[in-house]
N, C-alpha and C. Protein backbone atom coordinates (compact mmCIF):
# COMPACT_ATOMS: atom_id res chain seq x y z
N MET A 1 -18.13 176.22 -122.93
CA MET A 1 -17.09 175.22 -122.78
C MET A 1 -16.04 175.73 -121.79
N VAL A 2 -15.61 174.87 -120.92
CA VAL A 2 -14.61 175.22 -119.92
C VAL A 2 -13.23 175.12 -120.57
N ASN A 3 -12.40 176.13 -120.37
CA ASN A 3 -11.09 176.11 -121.02
C ASN A 3 -10.07 175.31 -120.21
N ALA A 4 -8.89 175.13 -120.80
CA ALA A 4 -7.85 174.30 -120.17
C ALA A 4 -7.42 174.86 -118.82
N TRP A 5 -7.28 176.19 -118.71
CA TRP A 5 -6.87 176.79 -117.44
C TRP A 5 -7.86 176.42 -116.34
N GLU A 6 -9.16 176.56 -116.62
CA GLU A 6 -10.18 176.24 -115.61
C GLU A 6 -10.13 174.77 -115.23
N ARG A 7 -9.94 173.90 -116.20
CA ARG A 7 -9.89 172.46 -115.92
C ARG A 7 -8.71 172.12 -115.02
N PHE A 8 -7.53 172.65 -115.35
CA PHE A 8 -6.35 172.36 -114.53
C PHE A 8 -6.43 173.07 -113.19
N HIS A 9 -7.04 174.23 -113.13
CA HIS A 9 -7.24 174.92 -111.86
C HIS A 9 -8.12 174.05 -110.95
N ASN A 10 -9.23 173.57 -111.48
CA ASN A 10 -10.13 172.72 -110.69
C ASN A 10 -9.47 171.40 -110.29
N ALA A 11 -8.69 170.83 -111.20
CA ALA A 11 -7.98 169.59 -110.87
C ALA A 11 -6.97 169.84 -109.76
N THR A 12 -6.28 170.98 -109.80
CA THR A 12 -5.32 171.33 -108.75
C THR A 12 -6.02 171.51 -107.41
N LEU A 13 -7.18 172.16 -107.43
CA LEU A 13 -7.95 172.30 -106.19
C LEU A 13 -8.35 170.94 -105.64
N GLU A 14 -8.69 170.03 -106.51
CA GLU A 14 -9.05 168.67 -106.10
C GLU A 14 -7.84 167.96 -105.46
N LEU A 15 -6.67 168.23 -105.99
CA LEU A 15 -5.46 167.57 -105.50
C LEU A 15 -5.01 168.05 -104.12
N VAL A 16 -5.46 169.21 -103.69
CA VAL A 16 -5.03 169.72 -102.39
C VAL A 16 -6.00 169.39 -101.26
N ARG A 17 -7.00 168.61 -101.53
CA ARG A 17 -7.94 168.19 -100.49
C ARG A 17 -7.24 167.25 -99.50
N SER A 18 -7.94 166.85 -98.47
CA SER A 18 -7.32 166.06 -97.40
C SER A 18 -7.42 164.55 -97.57
N ALA A 19 -7.97 164.06 -98.64
CA ALA A 19 -8.08 162.61 -98.86
C ALA A 19 -6.70 162.03 -99.23
N PRO A 20 -6.57 160.70 -99.21
CA PRO A 20 -5.32 160.08 -99.65
C PRO A 20 -4.99 160.46 -101.10
N ILE A 21 -3.69 160.52 -101.42
CA ILE A 21 -3.25 161.02 -102.72
C ILE A 21 -3.85 160.24 -103.89
N LYS A 22 -3.93 158.93 -103.77
CA LYS A 22 -4.48 158.14 -104.88
C LYS A 22 -5.94 158.50 -105.13
N GLN A 23 -6.69 158.68 -104.07
CA GLN A 23 -8.10 159.05 -104.19
C GLN A 23 -8.24 160.44 -104.83
N ARG A 24 -7.39 161.38 -104.40
CA ARG A 24 -7.42 162.74 -104.96
C ARG A 24 -7.05 162.74 -106.43
N LEU A 25 -6.05 161.94 -106.79
CA LEU A 25 -5.60 161.87 -108.17
C LEU A 25 -6.70 161.32 -109.08
N ILE A 26 -7.34 160.25 -108.66
CA ILE A 26 -8.44 159.67 -109.43
C ILE A 26 -9.55 160.70 -109.61
N SER A 27 -9.93 161.34 -108.54
CA SER A 27 -11.01 162.32 -108.59
C SER A 27 -10.66 163.51 -109.48
N ALA A 28 -9.45 164.04 -109.33
CA ALA A 28 -9.03 165.19 -110.14
C ALA A 28 -9.06 164.85 -111.62
N TYR A 29 -8.54 163.69 -111.98
CA TYR A 29 -8.49 163.31 -113.38
C TYR A 29 -9.88 163.02 -113.93
N ARG A 30 -10.64 162.21 -113.23
CA ARG A 30 -11.99 161.85 -113.71
C ARG A 30 -12.88 163.07 -113.86
N ARG A 31 -12.90 163.93 -112.84
CA ARG A 31 -13.84 165.05 -112.81
C ARG A 31 -13.44 166.21 -113.73
N HIS A 32 -12.14 166.39 -113.96
CA HIS A 32 -11.73 167.61 -114.64
C HIS A 32 -10.87 167.43 -115.89
N LEU A 33 -10.20 166.30 -116.04
CA LEU A 33 -9.23 166.18 -117.12
C LEU A 33 -9.47 165.02 -118.09
N SER A 34 -10.29 164.06 -117.72
CA SER A 34 -10.39 162.83 -118.51
C SER A 34 -10.90 163.05 -119.93
N ASP A 35 -11.75 164.01 -120.14
CA ASP A 35 -12.28 164.23 -121.49
C ASP A 35 -11.57 165.36 -122.23
N LEU A 36 -10.49 165.85 -121.68
CA LEU A 36 -9.70 166.89 -122.31
C LEU A 36 -8.80 166.26 -123.36
N GLN A 37 -8.81 166.80 -124.56
CA GLN A 37 -7.99 166.27 -125.65
C GLN A 37 -6.70 167.09 -125.78
N GLU A 38 -5.61 166.41 -126.14
CA GLU A 38 -4.34 167.11 -126.30
C GLU A 38 -4.44 168.27 -127.29
N GLU A 39 -5.27 168.13 -128.30
CA GLU A 39 -5.41 169.17 -129.32
C GLU A 39 -6.00 170.46 -128.75
N GLN A 40 -6.66 170.38 -127.60
CA GLN A 40 -7.25 171.55 -126.97
C GLN A 40 -6.24 172.34 -126.15
N LEU A 41 -5.02 171.83 -126.06
CA LEU A 41 -4.00 172.42 -125.20
C LEU A 41 -2.93 173.13 -126.00
N PRO A 42 -2.29 174.13 -125.39
CA PRO A 42 -1.15 174.77 -126.05
C PRO A 42 -0.05 173.74 -126.31
N GLY A 43 0.71 173.92 -127.35
CA GLY A 43 1.71 172.96 -127.78
C GLY A 43 2.70 172.54 -126.72
N GLU A 44 3.16 173.48 -125.89
CA GLU A 44 4.21 173.17 -124.91
C GLU A 44 3.74 172.28 -123.77
N ILE A 45 2.44 172.12 -123.59
CA ILE A 45 1.98 171.25 -122.50
C ILE A 45 1.31 169.97 -123.00
N ARG A 46 1.31 169.77 -124.30
CA ARG A 46 0.72 168.54 -124.82
C ARG A 46 1.48 167.29 -124.39
N GLU A 47 2.80 167.35 -124.45
CA GLU A 47 3.60 166.18 -124.06
C GLU A 47 3.44 165.86 -122.57
N PRO A 48 3.57 166.85 -121.67
CA PRO A 48 3.35 166.52 -120.25
C PRO A 48 1.95 165.99 -119.98
N PHE A 49 0.94 166.56 -120.65
CA PHE A 49 -0.41 166.05 -120.44
C PHE A 49 -0.55 164.64 -121.00
N GLY A 50 0.12 164.36 -122.11
CA GLY A 50 0.14 163.00 -122.65
C GLY A 50 0.73 162.02 -121.65
N GLN A 51 1.76 162.46 -120.92
CA GLN A 51 2.35 161.63 -119.85
C GLN A 51 1.31 161.32 -118.78
N VAL A 52 0.56 162.34 -118.38
CA VAL A 52 -0.48 162.14 -117.36
C VAL A 52 -1.51 161.14 -117.88
N GLN A 53 -1.96 161.33 -119.11
CA GLN A 53 -2.96 160.43 -119.67
C GLN A 53 -2.45 158.99 -119.73
N ARG A 54 -1.21 158.82 -120.18
CA ARG A 54 -0.65 157.47 -120.29
C ARG A 54 -0.51 156.81 -118.91
N SER A 55 -0.07 157.58 -117.93
CA SER A 55 0.13 156.99 -116.61
C SER A 55 -1.19 156.68 -115.91
N LEU A 56 -2.29 157.32 -116.35
CA LEU A 56 -3.59 157.08 -115.72
C LEU A 56 -4.50 156.20 -116.57
N SER A 57 -3.95 155.59 -117.59
CA SER A 57 -4.80 154.71 -118.41
C SER A 57 -4.07 153.47 -118.90
N GLY A 58 -2.89 153.21 -118.38
CA GLY A 58 -2.06 152.13 -118.90
C GLY A 58 -2.35 150.74 -118.37
N VAL A 59 -3.12 150.62 -117.31
CA VAL A 59 -3.36 149.31 -116.70
C VAL A 59 -4.77 148.83 -117.05
N PRO A 60 -4.89 147.60 -117.55
CA PRO A 60 -6.23 147.07 -117.83
C PRO A 60 -7.05 146.95 -116.54
N PRO A 61 -8.29 147.38 -116.57
CA PRO A 61 -9.10 147.37 -115.34
C PRO A 61 -9.60 145.97 -114.98
N LEU A 62 -9.79 145.80 -113.69
CA LEU A 62 -10.46 144.60 -113.19
C LEU A 62 -11.96 144.83 -113.30
N ARG A 63 -12.74 143.80 -113.09
CA ARG A 63 -14.19 143.93 -113.14
C ARG A 63 -14.64 144.98 -112.11
N GLY A 64 -15.46 145.92 -112.54
CA GLY A 64 -16.01 146.92 -111.65
C GLY A 64 -15.17 148.18 -111.50
N GLU A 65 -14.05 148.27 -112.20
CA GLU A 65 -13.26 149.49 -112.14
C GLU A 65 -12.92 149.95 -113.55
N ASP A 66 -12.48 151.20 -113.65
CA ASP A 66 -12.07 151.71 -114.96
C ASP A 66 -10.54 151.74 -115.01
N ALA A 67 -10.01 152.11 -116.18
CA ALA A 67 -8.55 152.12 -116.36
C ALA A 67 -7.86 153.10 -115.43
N VAL A 68 -8.53 154.22 -115.10
CA VAL A 68 -7.93 155.21 -114.20
C VAL A 68 -7.74 154.59 -112.81
N ALA A 69 -8.80 153.97 -112.29
CA ALA A 69 -8.70 153.34 -110.96
C ALA A 69 -7.66 152.22 -110.96
N ALA A 70 -7.63 151.43 -112.02
CA ALA A 70 -6.67 150.33 -112.10
C ALA A 70 -5.24 150.86 -112.16
N SER A 71 -5.02 151.90 -112.95
CA SER A 71 -3.68 152.46 -113.09
C SER A 71 -3.20 153.07 -111.78
N VAL A 72 -4.07 153.79 -111.10
CA VAL A 72 -3.69 154.41 -109.83
C VAL A 72 -3.50 153.35 -108.75
N ARG A 73 -4.31 152.30 -108.79
CA ARG A 73 -4.17 151.21 -107.81
C ARG A 73 -2.79 150.58 -107.91
N LYS A 74 -2.27 150.46 -109.11
CA LYS A 74 -0.95 149.84 -109.33
C LYS A 74 0.21 150.79 -109.02
N MET A 75 -0.07 152.10 -108.90
CA MET A 75 0.99 153.08 -108.62
C MET A 75 1.42 153.01 -107.17
N SER A 76 2.68 153.34 -106.94
CA SER A 76 3.12 153.56 -105.56
C SER A 76 2.63 154.96 -105.15
N ASN A 77 2.66 155.24 -103.87
CA ASN A 77 2.29 156.59 -103.43
C ASN A 77 3.23 157.63 -104.04
N HIS A 78 4.49 157.26 -104.18
CA HIS A 78 5.46 158.18 -104.79
C HIS A 78 5.08 158.48 -106.25
N ASP A 79 4.72 157.46 -107.01
CA ASP A 79 4.31 157.65 -108.40
C ASP A 79 3.05 158.51 -108.48
N ALA A 80 2.11 158.29 -107.57
CA ALA A 80 0.89 159.10 -107.53
C ALA A 80 1.23 160.56 -107.22
N ASP A 81 2.16 160.77 -106.28
CA ASP A 81 2.63 162.13 -105.97
C ASP A 81 3.22 162.79 -107.21
N GLU A 82 4.05 162.05 -107.93
CA GLU A 82 4.71 162.59 -109.12
C GLU A 82 3.69 162.95 -110.21
N CYS A 83 2.69 162.12 -110.38
CA CYS A 83 1.64 162.40 -111.38
C CYS A 83 0.85 163.63 -110.96
N ALA A 84 0.51 163.74 -109.69
CA ALA A 84 -0.21 164.91 -109.19
C ALA A 84 0.64 166.17 -109.36
N ALA A 85 1.93 166.06 -109.07
CA ALA A 85 2.83 167.21 -109.23
C ALA A 85 2.89 167.64 -110.69
N LEU A 86 2.86 166.71 -111.61
CA LEU A 86 2.88 167.05 -113.03
C LEU A 86 1.62 167.82 -113.42
N ILE A 87 0.48 167.43 -112.88
CA ILE A 87 -0.76 168.16 -113.14
C ILE A 87 -0.64 169.59 -112.64
N VAL A 88 -0.08 169.77 -111.45
CA VAL A 88 0.10 171.11 -110.89
C VAL A 88 1.09 171.91 -111.73
N GLU A 89 2.16 171.27 -112.20
CA GLU A 89 3.14 171.95 -113.06
C GLU A 89 2.48 172.41 -114.37
N ILE A 90 1.62 171.57 -114.94
CA ILE A 90 0.92 171.96 -116.17
C ILE A 90 0.03 173.16 -115.89
N PHE A 91 -0.66 173.16 -114.77
CA PHE A 91 -1.48 174.31 -114.39
C PHE A 91 -0.62 175.57 -114.28
N GLY A 92 0.55 175.45 -113.68
CA GLY A 92 1.46 176.59 -113.58
C GLY A 92 1.90 177.10 -114.93
N SER A 93 2.19 176.19 -115.85
CA SER A 93 2.61 176.58 -117.21
C SER A 93 1.50 177.33 -117.93
N ILE A 94 0.28 176.83 -117.82
CA ILE A 94 -0.86 177.50 -118.45
C ILE A 94 -1.08 178.87 -117.83
N SER A 95 -0.95 178.96 -116.51
CA SER A 95 -1.13 180.24 -115.82
C SER A 95 -0.09 181.25 -116.25
N ARG A 96 1.17 180.82 -116.34
CA ARG A 96 2.23 181.74 -116.79
C ARG A 96 1.98 182.19 -118.22
N ALA A 97 1.56 181.28 -119.08
CA ALA A 97 1.28 181.64 -120.48
C ALA A 97 0.14 182.64 -120.55
N ASN A 98 -0.91 182.42 -119.76
CA ASN A 98 -2.04 183.36 -119.74
C ASN A 98 -1.62 184.71 -119.21
N ALA A 99 -0.78 184.74 -118.19
CA ALA A 99 -0.32 186.01 -117.61
C ALA A 99 0.49 186.79 -118.63
N THR A 100 1.29 186.10 -119.42
CA THR A 100 2.08 186.75 -120.46
C THR A 100 1.17 187.36 -121.52
N LEU A 101 0.12 186.64 -121.88
CA LEU A 101 -0.81 187.14 -122.89
C LEU A 101 -1.59 188.34 -122.39
N LEU A 102 -1.90 188.36 -121.10
CA LEU A 102 -2.71 189.43 -120.54
C LEU A 102 -1.91 190.65 -120.13
N ARG A 103 -0.60 190.50 -120.03
CA ARG A 103 0.26 191.61 -119.62
C ARG A 103 0.26 192.68 -120.70
N PRO A 104 0.02 193.93 -120.34
CA PRO A 104 0.03 194.98 -121.35
C PRO A 104 1.42 195.16 -121.93
N ALA A 105 1.45 195.54 -123.17
CA ALA A 105 2.73 195.75 -123.85
C ALA A 105 3.44 196.94 -123.22
N ALA A 106 4.75 196.84 -123.12
CA ALA A 106 5.53 197.93 -122.55
C ALA A 106 5.54 199.10 -123.51
N VAL A 107 5.35 200.27 -122.98
CA VAL A 107 5.39 201.48 -123.79
C VAL A 107 6.77 202.08 -123.61
N PRO A 108 7.52 202.24 -124.70
CA PRO A 108 8.86 202.80 -124.54
C PRO A 108 8.79 204.25 -124.07
N LEU A 109 9.68 204.58 -123.15
CA LEU A 109 9.74 205.95 -122.64
C LEU A 109 10.64 206.78 -123.54
N LYS A 110 10.22 207.99 -123.78
CA LYS A 110 11.02 208.90 -124.57
C LYS A 110 11.93 209.65 -123.62
N PRO A 111 13.24 209.49 -123.78
CA PRO A 111 14.13 210.20 -122.88
C PRO A 111 14.02 211.71 -123.07
N ARG A 112 14.10 212.43 -121.97
CA ARG A 112 13.98 213.88 -122.04
C ARG A 112 15.35 214.49 -121.77
N ARG A 113 15.69 215.45 -122.57
CA ARG A 113 16.96 216.14 -122.39
C ARG A 113 16.82 217.18 -121.30
N ALA A 114 17.92 217.47 -120.66
CA ALA A 114 17.91 218.46 -119.59
C ALA A 114 17.46 219.82 -120.11
N SER A 115 17.71 220.07 -121.38
CA SER A 115 17.36 221.37 -121.94
C SER A 115 15.87 221.50 -122.25
N GLU A 116 15.16 220.35 -122.27
CA GLU A 116 13.73 220.41 -122.57
C GLU A 116 12.97 220.96 -121.38
N GLU A 117 11.86 221.58 -121.68
CA GLU A 117 11.03 222.19 -120.64
C GLU A 117 10.29 221.10 -119.88
N ARG A 118 10.29 221.22 -118.56
CA ARG A 118 9.55 220.28 -117.72
C ARG A 118 8.09 220.70 -117.70
N PRO A 119 7.15 219.76 -117.60
CA PRO A 119 5.74 220.15 -117.50
C PRO A 119 5.50 220.88 -116.19
N SER A 120 4.58 221.81 -116.24
CA SER A 120 4.25 222.53 -115.01
C SER A 120 3.51 221.60 -114.07
N ASP A 121 3.42 222.00 -112.81
CA ASP A 121 2.74 221.18 -111.83
C ASP A 121 1.29 220.93 -112.22
N ALA A 122 0.67 221.90 -112.86
CA ALA A 122 -0.73 221.75 -113.27
C ALA A 122 -0.86 220.68 -114.35
N GLU A 123 0.18 220.53 -115.19
CA GLU A 123 0.12 219.56 -116.28
C GLU A 123 0.48 218.15 -115.83
N SER A 124 1.28 218.04 -114.79
CA SER A 124 1.70 216.71 -114.35
C SER A 124 0.61 216.10 -113.46
N GLU A 125 0.53 214.78 -113.53
CA GLU A 125 -0.48 214.08 -112.75
C GLU A 125 0.09 213.70 -111.40
N GLU A 126 -0.71 213.87 -110.37
CA GLU A 126 -0.33 213.45 -109.04
C GLU A 126 -0.71 211.98 -108.89
N VAL A 127 0.17 211.21 -108.31
CA VAL A 127 -0.10 209.80 -108.07
C VAL A 127 -0.20 209.61 -106.57
N ALA A 128 -1.32 209.13 -106.14
CA ALA A 128 -1.51 208.89 -104.71
C ALA A 128 -0.85 207.58 -104.33
N ILE A 129 -0.02 207.62 -103.31
CA ILE A 129 0.64 206.42 -102.84
C ILE A 129 -0.20 205.85 -101.70
N PRO A 130 -0.61 204.58 -101.83
CA PRO A 130 -1.42 203.98 -100.75
C PRO A 130 -0.66 204.08 -99.43
N GLN A 131 -1.42 204.27 -98.35
CA GLN A 131 -0.83 204.46 -97.05
C GLN A 131 0.02 203.26 -96.61
N TRP A 132 -0.41 202.05 -96.94
CA TRP A 132 0.35 200.86 -96.52
C TRP A 132 1.69 200.78 -97.23
N VAL A 133 1.80 201.38 -98.44
CA VAL A 133 3.08 201.41 -99.15
C VAL A 133 3.96 202.50 -98.56
N ALA A 134 3.37 203.64 -98.26
CA ALA A 134 4.13 204.77 -97.73
C ALA A 134 4.78 204.44 -96.39
N LYS A 135 4.19 203.57 -95.59
CA LYS A 135 4.73 203.21 -94.28
C LYS A 135 5.89 202.23 -94.39
N ALA A 136 5.98 201.52 -95.48
CA ALA A 136 7.00 200.47 -95.61
C ALA A 136 8.40 201.01 -95.70
């Protein structure tokens, strides 16, 4: 099963293509987000995703189209931009949350008193500084 991060990542990639915004929005939602349920998402992004769902399904379709196409057809380009931006913002929120979860816990440093013995050179580890950093 593809997780929420992957779905929003793929939807964001779809949104940056060169087609008109309405076409990109329809494609991103249909291909990557339409079958995603709010319950599958972290709590803080359920409401924004609910906004996306409501804005892309609120218009009754004409013959031969679905609610997504009908809703986007009725949107102004500005509204389509705003909906696409919300999808990208949700992706950013998920990415930040994942980065926080993956970040290693900080290890508290034990302060050393001046009177304490320093480790000998043999005991201390040498850290190689990459050449591109050393030149900066």
